[in-house]
Amino acid sequence: MNASNSPAFFIAQAEPDGQQFDAWRTQSLLVSLEQGGIEWPSSCRNGTCRTCMGQLVSGQVRYEIEWPGLSAEEKSAGCALPCVAFPCSDLTITRGSL
């Protein structure tokens, strides 16, 4: 699916409360969480402090920065930094990491 035929936003869910929100393709997951009225911990907003780290239960994200503050092992385990992650699909994310 290329950008011209992908949806403007995806349906996302934040656990453990099960709150649903629109995850806009063109903005960070953290901004979408906040616009959806979901309080999510954050600090630096540039992918270095890891305060916002979450665990992707399902779905995929992409990063526009080369080094998003996650190790290869954390990425493969589904950890995500919502402040610099952009959604690529419907997704579910939970607070904290493995």
Protein backbone atom coordinates (compact mmCIF):
# COMPACT_ATOMS: atom_id res chain seq x y z
CA MET A 1 0.00 0.00 0.00
CA ASN A 2 1.51 3.31 -0.99
CA ALA A 3 0.86 6.72 0.55
CA SER A 4 -1.65 7.74 -2.11
CA ASN A 5 -4.10 4.95 -1.25
CA SER A 6 -3.47 4.50 2.46
CA PRO A 7 -5.99 5.94 4.91
CA ALA A 8 -5.46 9.33 6.55
CA PHE A 9 -5.61 7.66 9.95
CA PHE A 10 -5.70 4.25 11.56
CA ILE A 11 -7.79 2.97 14.44
CA ALA A 12 -5.68 2.56 17.55
CA GLN A 13 -6.25 1.41 21.09
CA ALA A 14 -4.35 2.27 24.25
CA GLU A 15 -4.11 -0.35 26.97
CA PRO A 16 -4.65 -1.13 29.76
CA ASP A 17 -7.81 1.01 29.62
CA GLY A 18 -8.86 0.03 26.09
CA GLN A 19 -9.30 3.65 25.01
CA GLN A 20 -9.67 4.00 21.25
CA PHE A 21 -8.18 6.91 19.28
CA ASP A 22 -7.42 7.97 15.72
CA ALA A 23 -3.74 7.46 14.88
CA TRP A 24 -3.00 9.90 12.08
CA ARG A 25 -0.48 8.70 9.51
CA THR A 26 1.20 12.13 9.29
CA GLN A 27 1.75 12.79 13.01
CA SER A 28 3.51 11.04 15.83
CA LEU A 29 1.63 8.44 17.80
CA LEU A 30 2.09 10.55 20.95
CA VAL A 31 0.31 13.53 19.39
CA SER A 32 -2.53 11.25 18.29
CA LEU A 33 -2.79 9.79 21.80
CA GLU A 34 -2.98 13.29 23.28
CA GLN A 35 -5.55 14.46 20.73
CA GLY A 36 -7.60 11.41 21.64
CA GLY A 37 -7.65 12.59 25.26
CA ILE A 38 -5.30 9.87 26.48
CA GLU A 39 -2.72 10.80 29.09
CA TRP A 40 0.60 9.22 28.15
CA PRO A 41 3.91 9.94 29.90
CA SER A 42 6.36 11.99 27.84
CA SER A 43 9.29 14.33 28.24
CA CYS A 44 11.81 14.98 25.46
CA ARG A 45 9.58 14.31 22.42
CA ASN A 46 12.62 13.49 20.30
CA GLY A 47 13.19 9.78 20.98
CA THR A 48 16.02 9.96 23.48
CA CYS A 49 14.62 9.97 27.03
CA ARG A 50 12.39 6.87 26.62
CA THR A 51 9.76 8.25 29.03
CA CYS A 52 6.97 7.50 26.54
CA MET A 53 8.11 3.95 25.74
CA GLY A 54 5.29 1.53 25.11
CA GLN A 55 4.78 -2.00 23.90
CA LEU A 56 3.06 -2.65 20.58
CA VAL A 57 0.57 -5.43 21.19
CA SER A 58 -0.45 -5.38 17.54
CA GLY A 59 0.19 -3.27 14.46
CA GLN A 60 3.22 -1.52 13.03
CA VAL A 61 4.93 1.85 13.29
CA ARG A 62 7.71 3.56 11.36
CA TYR A 63 10.34 6.08 12.41
CA GLU A 64 11.50 9.12 10.45
CA ILE A 65 14.66 9.47 12.51
CA GLU A 66 17.62 7.15 12.11
CA TRP A 67 18.15 6.38 15.79
CA PRO A 68 14.90 6.38 17.77
CA GLY A 69 16.47 5.48 21.13
CA LEU A 70 15.62 1.77 20.96
CA SER A 71 18.00 -1.14 20.67
CA ALA A 72 17.50 -3.65 17.86
CA GLU A 73 16.33 -6.14 20.48
CA GLU A 74 13.74 -3.70 21.86
CA LYS A 75 12.43 -2.95 18.37
CA SER A 76 12.13 -6.64 17.52
CA ALA A 77 10.34 -7.23 20.85
CA GLY A 78 7.71 -4.63 19.89
CA CYS A 79 8.84 -1.69 21.99
CA ALA A 80 7.92 1.70 20.55
CA LEU A 81 8.59 5.34 21.30
CA PRO A 82 5.28 7.09 20.52
CA CYS A 83 6.92 10.54 20.46
CA VAL A 84 8.75 9.65 17.23
CA ALA A 85 6.72 6.68 15.95
CA PHE A 86 4.23 7.06 13.10
CA PRO A 87 1.48 4.47 12.58
CA CYS A 88 1.52 2.18 9.55
CA SER A 89 -1.59 0.17 10.46
CA ASP A 90 -4.33 -0.17 13.03
CA LEU A 91 -2.56 -0.84 16.31
CA THR A 92 -2.78 -1.50 20.02
CA ILE A 93 -0.17 -0.09 22.39
CA THR A 94 0.26 -0.53 26.11
CA ARG A 95 2.26 1.54 28.58
CA GLY A 96 5.69 0.34 29.60
CA SER A 97 7.98 -2.15 27.92
CA LEU A 98 8.94 -5.78 28.30
